[in-house]
Amino acid sequence: MLNINNLRHDEIQNLTNDELHEAVALLENAQPSERQAQLLNRALDEIDEREQWQDEGQPDWAQEWEDFGEVYDDDPTYI
């Protein structure tokens, strides 16, 4: 379980998606303080940013490699 008392503003970007959503739930239900409000805003911004990247319709690197991996030859013989 995530401990929001020890959570720092700069650590939010390193949380997994599950940890990030857990942090938001904990912060929304916590006693309001300036620090917790800042953490909540940062966590919500991080969720929005991640969802924006997911909504672009771009495949992840694993799908790219599966589709086009043979094109990315590190040692081409034709050069």
PDB file of N, CA and C in Angstrom:
ATOM      1  N   MET A   1       0.845  -1.185   0.000  1.00  0.00           N
ATOM      2  CA  MET A   1       0.000   0.000   0.000  1.00  0.00           C
ATOM      3  C   MET A   1       0.884   1.239   0.000  1.00  0.00           C
ATOM      4  N   LEU A   2       0.482   2.203  -0.748  1.00  0.00           N
ATOM      5  CA  LEU A   2       1.224   3.444  -0.906  1.00  0.00           C
ATOM      6  C   LEU A   2       1.072   4.325   0.331  1.00  0.00           C
ATOM      7  N   ASN A   3       2.173   4.900   0.778  1.00  0.00           N
ATOM      8  CA  ASN A   3       2.152   5.802   1.931  1.00  0.00           C
ATOM      9  C   ASN A   3       2.286   7.232   1.422  1.00  0.00           C
ATOM     10  N   ILE A   4       1.187   7.974   1.449  1.00  0.00           N
ATOM     11  CA  ILE A   4       1.208   9.338   0.910  1.00  0.00           C
ATOM     12  C   ILE A   4       1.950  10.304   1.818  1.00  0.00           C
ATOM     13  N   ASN A   5       2.177   9.920   3.070  1.00  0.00           N
ATOM     14  CA  ASN A   5       2.913  10.802   3.982  1.00  0.00           C
ATOM     15  C   ASN A   5       4.371  10.936   3.576  1.00  0.00           C
ATOM     16  N   ASN A   6       4.905   9.910   2.911  1.00  0.00           N
ATOM     17  CA  ASN A   6       6.297   9.942   2.488  1.00  0.00           C
ATOM     18  C   ASN A   6       6.459  10.259   1.003  1.00  0.00           C
ATOM     19  N   LEU A   7       5.350  10.433   0.306  1.00  0.00           N
ATOM     20  CA  LEU A   7       5.386  10.666  -1.132  1.00  0.00           C
ATOM     21  C   LEU A   7       5.865  12.085  -1.430  1.00  0.00           C
ATOM     22  N   ARG A   8       6.842  12.171  -2.335  1.00  0.00           N
ATOM     23  CA  ARG A   8       7.360  13.478  -2.741  1.00  0.00           C
ATOM     24  C   ARG A   8       6.811  13.845  -4.123  1.00  0.00           C
ATOM     25  N   HIS A   9       6.716  15.136  -4.356  1.00  0.00           N
ATOM     26  CA  HIS A   9       6.201  15.680  -5.616  1.00  0.00           C
ATOM     27  C   HIS A   9       6.959  15.110  -6.818  1.00  0.00           C
ATOM     28  N   ASP A  10       8.285  14.997  -6.709  1.00  0.00           N
ATOM     29  CA  ASP A  10       9.095  14.542  -7.837  1.00  0.00           C
ATOM     30  C   ASP A  10       9.036  13.027  -8.041  1.00  0.00           C
ATOM     31  N   GLU A  11       8.416  12.291  -7.133  1.00  0.00           N
ATOM     32  CA  GLU A  11       8.308  10.840  -7.280  1.00  0.00           C
ATOM     33  C   GLU A  11       7.059  10.417  -8.050  1.00  0.00           C
ATOM     34  N   ILE A  12       6.129  11.316  -8.214  1.00  0.00           N
ATOM     35  CA  ILE A  12       4.848  10.962  -8.818  1.00  0.00           C
ATOM     36  C   ILE A  12       5.011  10.424 -10.230  1.00  0.00           C
ATOM     37  N   GLN A  13       5.902  10.993 -11.002  1.00  0.00           N
ATOM     38  CA  GLN A  13       6.077  10.535 -12.383  1.00  0.00           C
ATOM     39  C   GLN A  13       6.635   9.122 -12.462  1.00  0.00           C
ATOM     40  N   ASN A  14       7.219   8.620 -11.381  1.00  0.00           N
ATOM     41  CA  ASN A  14       7.799   7.281 -11.379  1.00  0.00           C
ATOM     42  C   ASN A  14       6.837   6.209 -10.885  1.00  0.00           C
ATOM     43  N   LEU A  15       5.635   6.598 -10.474  1.00  0.00           N
ATOM     44  CA  LEU A  15       4.657   5.628 -10.004  1.00  0.00           C
ATOM     45  C   LEU A  15       4.075   4.848 -11.172  1.00  0.00           C
ATOM     46  N   THR A  16       3.716   3.601 -10.906  1.00  0.00           N
ATOM     47  CA  THR A  16       2.993   2.833 -11.919  1.00  0.00           C
ATOM     48  C   THR A  16       1.585   3.403 -12.023  1.00  0.00           C
ATOM     49  N   ASN A  17       0.858   3.008 -13.036  1.00  0.00           N
ATOM     50  CA  ASN A  17      -0.511   3.494 -13.191  1.00  0.00           C
ATOM     51  C   ASN A  17      -1.369   3.104 -11.991  1.00  0.00           C
ATOM     52  N   ASP A  18      -1.213   1.874 -11.500  1.00  0.00           N
ATOM     53  CA  ASP A  18      -1.988   1.443 -10.331  1.00  0.00           C
ATOM     54  C   ASP A  18      -1.632   2.266  -9.104  1.00  0.00           C
ATOM     55  N   GLU A  19      -0.341   2.506  -8.883  1.00  0.00           N
ATOM     56  CA  GLU A  19       0.087   3.318  -7.747  1.00  0.00           C
ATOM     57  C   GLU A  19      -0.413   4.753  -7.873  1.00  0.00           C
ATOM     58  N   LEU A  20      -0.414   5.262  -9.090  1.00  0.00           N
ATOM     59  CA  LEU A  20      -0.869   6.624  -9.335  1.00  0.00           C
ATOM     60  C   LEU A  20      -2.354   6.774  -8.994  1.00  0.00           C
ATOM     61  N   HIS A  21      -3.158   5.818  -9.428  1.00  0.00           N
ATOM     62  CA  HIS A  21      -4.587   5.867  -9.126  1.00  0.00           C
ATOM     63  C   HIS A  21      -4.838   5.643  -7.635  1.00  0.00           C
ATOM     64  N   GLU A  22      -4.032   4.810  -7.000  1.00  0.00           N
ATOM     65  CA  GLU A  22      -4.139   4.619  -5.556  1.00  0.00           C
ATOM     66  C   GLU A  22      -3.809   5.916  -4.824  1.00  0.00           C
ATOM     67  N   ALA A  23      -2.765   6.611  -5.277  1.00  0.00           N
ATOM     68  CA  ALA A  23      -2.382   7.880  -4.658  1.00  0.00           C
ATOM     69  C   ALA A  23      -3.508   8.903  -4.776  1.00  0.00           C
ATOM     70  N   VAL A  24      -4.136   8.976  -5.933  1.00  0.00           N
ATOM     71  CA  VAL A  24      -5.237   9.917  -6.127  1.00  0.00           C
ATOM     72  C   VAL A  24      -6.381   9.590  -5.169  1.00  0.00           C
ATOM     73  N   ALA A  25      -6.730   8.317  -5.053  1.00  0.00           N
ATOM     74  CA  ALA A  25      -7.816   7.921  -4.155  1.00  0.00           C
ATOM     75  C   ALA A  25      -7.477   8.273  -2.711  1.00  0.00           C
ATOM     76  N   LEU A  26      -6.242   8.003  -2.299  1.00  0.00           N
ATOM     77  CA  LEU A  26      -5.836   8.315  -0.932  1.00  0.00           C
ATOM     78  C   LEU A  26      -5.821   9.823  -0.681  1.00  0.00           C
ATOM     79  N   LEU A  27      -5.315  10.572  -1.637  1.00  0.00           N
ATOM     80  CA  LEU A  27      -5.225  12.017  -1.473  1.00  0.00           C
ATOM     81  C   LEU A  27      -6.598  12.682  -1.483  1.00  0.00           C
ATOM     82  N   GLU A  28      -7.511  12.149  -2.285  1.00  0.00           N
ATOM     83  CA  GLU A  28      -8.857  12.718  -2.316  1.00  0.00           C
ATOM     84  C   GLU A  28      -9.599  12.492  -0.997  1.00  0.00           C
ATOM     85  N   ASN A  29      -9.253  11.420  -0.301  1.00  0.00           N
ATOM     86  CA  ASN A  29      -9.930  11.087   0.950  1.00  0.00           C
ATOM     87  C   ASN A  29      -9.155  11.530   2.185  1.00  0.00           C
ATOM     88  N   ALA A  30      -8.013  12.160   2.010  1.00  0.00           N
ATOM     89  CA  ALA A  30      -7.176  12.581   3.131  1.00  0.00           C
ATOM     90  C   ALA A  30      -7.657  13.921   3.680  1.00  0.00           C
ATOM     91  N   GLN A  31      -7.208  14.222   4.875  1.00  0.00           N
ATOM     92  CA  GLN A  31      -7.473  15.543   5.438  1.00  0.00           C
ATOM     93  C   GLN A  31      -6.752  16.573   4.571  1.00  0.00           C
ATOM     94  N   PRO A  32      -7.456  17.603   4.143  1.00  0.00           N
ATOM     95  CA  PRO A  32      -6.834  18.546   3.211  1.00  0.00           C
ATOM     96  C   PRO A  32      -5.681  19.333   3.842  1.00  0.00           C
ATOM     97  N   SER A  33      -4.619  19.407   3.109  1.00  0.00           N
ATOM     98  CA  SER A  33      -3.489  20.250   3.468  1.00  0.00           C
ATOM     99  C   SER A  33      -2.911  20.795   2.166  1.00  0.00           C
ATOM    100  N   GLU A  34      -2.122  21.816   2.262  1.00  0.00           N
ATOM    101  CA  GLU A  34      -1.520  22.415   1.064  1.00  0.00           C
ATOM    102  C   GLU A  34      -0.642  21.391   0.335  1.00  0.00           C
ATOM    103  N   ARG A  35       0.144  20.650   1.094  1.00  0.00           N
ATOM    104  CA  ARG A  35       1.037  19.641   0.507  1.00  0.00           C
ATOM    105  C   ARG A  35       0.240  18.566  -0.224  1.00  0.00           C
ATOM    106  N   GLN A  36      -0.819  18.072   0.407  1.00  0.00           N
ATOM    107  CA  GLN A  36      -1.616  17.022  -0.212  1.00  0.00           C
ATOM    108  C   GLN A  36      -2.374  17.538  -1.426  1.00  0.00           C
ATOM    109  N   ALA A  37      -2.811  18.777  -1.385  1.00  0.00           N
ATOM    110  CA  ALA A  37      -3.473  19.371  -2.549  1.00  0.00           C
ATOM    111  C   ALA A  37      -2.502  19.464  -3.725  1.00  0.00           C
ATOM    112  N   GLN A  38      -1.253  19.835  -3.452  1.00  0.00           N
ATOM    113  CA  GLN A  38      -0.244  19.905  -4.512  1.00  0.00           C
ATOM    114  C   GLN A  38       0.062  18.520  -5.068  1.00  0.00           C
ATOM    115  N   LEU A  39       0.169  17.525  -4.182  1.00  0.00           N
ATOM    116  CA  LEU A  39       0.415  16.158  -4.638  1.00  0.00           C
ATOM    117  C   LEU A  39      -0.753  15.653  -5.488  1.00  0.00           C
ATOM    118  N   LEU A  40      -1.967  15.929  -5.052  1.00  0.00           N
ATOM    119  CA  LEU A  40      -3.142  15.500  -5.804  1.00  0.00           C
ATOM    120  C   LEU A  40      -3.161  16.144  -7.182  1.00  0.00           C
ATOM    121  N   ASN A  41      -2.917  17.441  -7.256  1.00  0.00           N
ATOM    122  CA  ASN A  41      -2.883  18.119  -8.556  1.00  0.00           C
ATOM    123  C   ASN A  41      -1.809  17.546  -9.456  1.00  0.00           C
ATOM    124  N   ARG A  42      -0.639  17.259  -8.899  1.00  0.00           N
ATOM    125  CA  ARG A  42       0.452  16.680  -9.691  1.00  0.00           C
ATOM    126  C   ARG A  42       0.091  15.293 -10.185  1.00  0.00           C
ATOM    127  N   ALA A  43      -0.538  14.486  -9.316  1.00  0.00           N
ATOM    128  CA  ALA A  43      -0.941  13.132  -9.706  1.00  0.00           C
ATOM    129  C   ALA A  43      -1.998  13.174 -10.803  1.00  0.00           C
ATOM    130  N   LEU A  44      -2.967  14.064 -10.678  1.00  0.00           N
ATOM    131  CA  LEU A  44      -3.999  14.195 -11.711  1.00  0.00           C
ATOM    132  C   LEU A  44      -3.404  14.676 -13.032  1.00  0.00           C
ATOM    133  N   ASP A  45      -2.439  15.591 -12.970  1.00  0.00           N
ATOM    134  CA  ASP A  45      -1.751  16.041 -14.186  1.00  0.00           C
ATOM    135  C   ASP A  45      -1.004  14.889 -14.840  1.00  0.00           C
ATOM    136  N   GLU A  46      -0.369  14.055 -14.035  1.00  0.00           N
ATOM    137  CA  GLU A  46       0.379  12.909 -14.569  1.00  0.00           C
ATOM    138  C   GLU A  46      -0.569  11.924 -15.246  1.00  0.00           C
ATOM    139  N   ILE A  47      -1.721  11.678 -14.640  1.00  0.00           N
ATOM    140  CA  ILE A  47      -2.712  10.787 -15.260  1.00  0.00           C
ATOM    141  C   ILE A  47      -3.163  11.358 -16.592  1.00  0.00           C
ATOM    142  N   ASP A  48      -3.468  12.660 -16.637  1.00  0.00           N
ATOM    143  CA  ASP A  48      -3.887  13.294 -17.890  1.00  0.00           C
ATOM    144  C   ASP A  48      -2.813  13.170 -18.963  1.00  0.00           C
ATOM    145  N   GLU A  49      -1.566  13.380 -18.574  1.00  0.00           N
ATOM    146  CA  GLU A  49      -0.465  13.294 -19.539  1.00  0.00           C
ATOM    147  C   GLU A  49      -0.326  11.881 -20.089  1.00  0.00           C
ATOM    148  N   ARG A  50      -0.413  10.891 -19.216  1.00  0.00           N
ATOM    149  CA  ARG A  50      -0.307   9.499 -19.667  1.00  0.00           C
ATOM    150  C   ARG A  50      -1.461   9.129 -20.580  1.00  0.00           C
ATOM    151  N   GLU A  51      -2.673   9.562 -20.241  1.00  0.00           N
ATOM    152  CA  GLU A  51      -3.828   9.256 -21.081  1.00  0.00           C
ATOM    153  C   GLU A  51      -3.725   9.951 -22.430  1.00  0.00           C
ATOM    154  N   GLN A  52      -3.146  11.131 -22.461  1.00  0.00           N
ATOM    155  CA  GLN A  52      -2.958  11.839 -23.724  1.00  0.00           C
ATOM    156  C   GLN A  52      -2.054  11.040 -24.648  1.00  0.00           C
ATOM    157  N   TRP A  53      -0.975  10.482 -24.105  1.00  0.00           N
ATOM    158  CA  TRP A  53      -0.066   9.685 -24.918  1.00  0.00           C
ATOM    159  C   TRP A  53      -0.745   8.415 -25.409  1.00  0.00           C
ATOM    160  N   GLN A  54      -1.588   7.815 -24.586  1.00  0.00           N
ATOM    161  CA  GLN A  54      -2.283   6.595 -24.984  1.00  0.00           C
ATOM    162  C   GLN A  54      -3.319   6.866 -26.056  1.00  0.00           C
ATOM    163  N   ASP A  55      -3.922   8.036 -26.044  1.00  0.00           N
ATOM    164  CA  ASP A  55      -4.988   8.357 -26.977  1.00  0.00           C
ATOM    165  C   ASP A  55      -4.495   8.731 -28.370  1.00  0.00           C
ATOM    166  N   GLU A  56      -3.206   8.829 -28.549  1.00  0.00           N
ATOM    167  CA  GLU A  56      -2.692   9.226 -29.859  1.00  0.00           C
ATOM    168  C   GLU A  56      -2.777   8.104 -30.889  1.00  0.00           C
ATOM    169  N   GLY A  57      -3.079   6.903 -30.445  1.00  0.00           N
ATOM    170  CA  GLY A  57      -3.228   5.799 -31.372  1.00  0.00           C
ATOM    171  C   GLY A  57      -1.916   5.229 -31.867  1.00  0.00           C
ATOM    172  N   GLN A  58      -0.819   5.661 -31.312  1.00  0.00           N
ATOM    173  CA  GLN A  58       0.480   5.144 -31.720  1.00  0.00           C
ATOM    174  C   GLN A  58       0.734   3.801 -31.047  1.00  0.00           C
ATOM    175  N   PRO A  59       1.268   2.843 -31.784  1.00  0.00           N
ATOM    176  CA  PRO A  59       1.588   1.558 -31.168  1.00  0.00           C
ATOM    177  C   PRO A  59       2.786   1.698 -30.234  1.00  0.00           C
ATOM    178  N   ASP A  60       2.838   0.827 -29.237  1.00  0.00           N
ATOM    179  CA  ASP A  60       3.999   0.851 -28.350  1.00  0.00           C
ATOM    180  C   ASP A  60       5.187   0.216 -29.076  1.00  0.00           C
ATOM    181  N   TRP A  61       6.358   0.292 -28.466  1.00  0.00           N
ATOM    182  CA  TRP A  61       7.567  -0.183 -29.145  1.00  0.00           C
ATOM    183  C   TRP A  61       7.486  -1.671 -29.435  1.00  0.00           C
ATOM    184  N   ALA A  62       6.847  -2.440 -28.570  1.00  0.00           N
ATOM    185  CA  ALA A  62       6.757  -3.886 -28.787  1.00  0.00           C
ATOM    186  C   ALA A  62       5.941  -4.186 -30.037  1.00  0.00           C
ATOM    187  N   GLN A  63       4.837  -3.470 -30.220  1.00  0.00           N
ATOM    188  CA  GLN A  63       4.031  -3.669 -31.421  1.00  0.00           C
ATOM    189  C   GLN A  63       4.785  -3.201 -32.653  1.00  0.00           C
ATOM    190  N   GLU A  64       5.483  -2.087 -32.540  1.00  0.00           N
ATOM    191  CA  GLU A  64       6.307  -1.603 -33.661  1.00  0.00           C
ATOM    192  C   GLU A  64       7.329  -2.657 -34.065  1.00  0.00           C
ATOM    193  N   TRP A  65       7.988  -3.244 -33.099  1.00  0.00           N
ATOM    194  CA  TRP A  65       9.030  -4.228 -33.397  1.00  0.00           C
ATOM    195  C   TRP A  65       8.418  -5.461 -34.039  1.00  0.00           C
ATOM    196  N   GLU A  66       7.259  -5.877 -33.534  1.00  0.00           N
ATOM    197  CA  GLU A  66       6.591  -7.045 -34.110  1.00  0.00           C
ATOM    198  C   GLU A  66       6.202  -6.781 -35.557  1.00  0.00           C
ATOM    199  N   ASP A  67       5.728  -5.565 -35.831  1.00  0.00           N
ATOM    200  CA  ASP A  67       5.280  -5.226 -37.180  1.00  0.00           C
ATOM    201  C   ASP A  67       6.433  -4.949 -38.141  1.00  0.00           C
ATOM    202  N   PHE A  68       7.474  -4.257 -37.652  1.00  0.00           N
ATOM    203  CA  PHE A  68       8.517  -3.773 -38.557  1.00  0.00           C
ATOM    204  C   PHE A  68       9.925  -4.144 -38.122  1.00  0.00           C
ATOM    205  N   GLY A  69      10.066  -5.069 -37.213  1.00  0.00           N
ATOM    206  CA  GLY A  69      11.373  -5.404 -36.652  1.00  0.00           C
ATOM    207  C   GLY A  69      12.406  -5.782 -37.694  1.00  0.00           C
ATOM    208  N   GLU A  70      11.982  -6.469 -38.722  1.00  0.00           N
ATOM    209  CA  GLU A  70      12.937  -6.884 -39.740  1.00  0.00           C
ATOM    210  C   GLU A  70      13.515  -5.695 -40.498  1.00  0.00           C
ATOM    211  N   VAL A  71      12.853  -4.562 -40.471  1.00  0.00           N
ATOM    212  CA  VAL A  71      13.340  -3.361 -41.153  1.00  0.00           C
ATOM    213  C   VAL A  71      14.502  -2.747 -40.381  1.00  0.00           C
ATOM    214  N   TYR A  72      14.496  -2.897 -39.057  1.00  0.00           N
ATOM    215  CA  TYR A  72      15.518  -2.294 -38.213  1.00  0.00           C
ATOM    216  C   TYR A  72      16.705  -3.226 -38.079  1.00  0.00           C
ATOM    217  N   ASP A  73      17.522  -3.289 -39.085  1.00  0.00           N
ATOM    218  CA  ASP A  73      18.680  -4.175 -39.094  1.00  0.00           C
ATOM    219  C   ASP A  73      19.893  -3.396 -38.607  1.00  0.00           C
ATOM    220  N   ASP A  74      20.498  -3.843 -37.497  1.00  0.00           N
ATOM    221  CA  ASP A  74      21.659  -3.163 -36.946  1.00  0.00           C
ATOM    222  C   ASP A  74      22.924  -3.387 -37.763  1.00  0.00           C
ATOM    223  N   ASP A  75      22.954  -4.436 -38.541  1.00  0.00           N
ATOM    224  CA  ASP A  75      24.146  -4.762 -39.319  1.00  0.00           C
ATOM    225  C   ASP A  75      23.736  -5.089 -40.752  1.00  0.00           C
ATOM    226  N   PRO A  76      23.316  -4.073 -41.488  1.00  0.00           N
ATOM    227  CA  PRO A  76      22.858  -4.353 -42.852  1.00  0.00           C
ATOM    228  C   PRO A  76      24.016  -4.803 -43.742  1.00  0.00           C
ATOM    229  N   THR A  77      23.744  -5.798 -44.566  1.00  0.00           N
ATOM    230  CA  THR A  77      24.789  -6.320 -45.461  1.00  0.00           C
ATOM    231  C   THR A  77      24.831  -5.569 -46.778  1.00  0.00           C
ATOM    232  N   TYR A  78      23.849  -4.747 -47.049  1.00  0.00           N
ATOM    233  CA  TYR A  78      23.791  -4.047 -48.333  1.00  0.00           C
ATOM    234  C   TYR A  78      24.549  -2.735 -48.350  1.00  0.00           C
ATOM    235  N   ILE A  79      25.150  -2.337 -47.237  1.00  0.00           N
ATOM    236  CA  ILE A  79      25.901  -1.081 -47.207  1.00  0.00           C
ATOM    237  C   ILE A  79      27.362  -1.354 -47.455  1.00  0.00           C
TER     238      ILE A  79
END
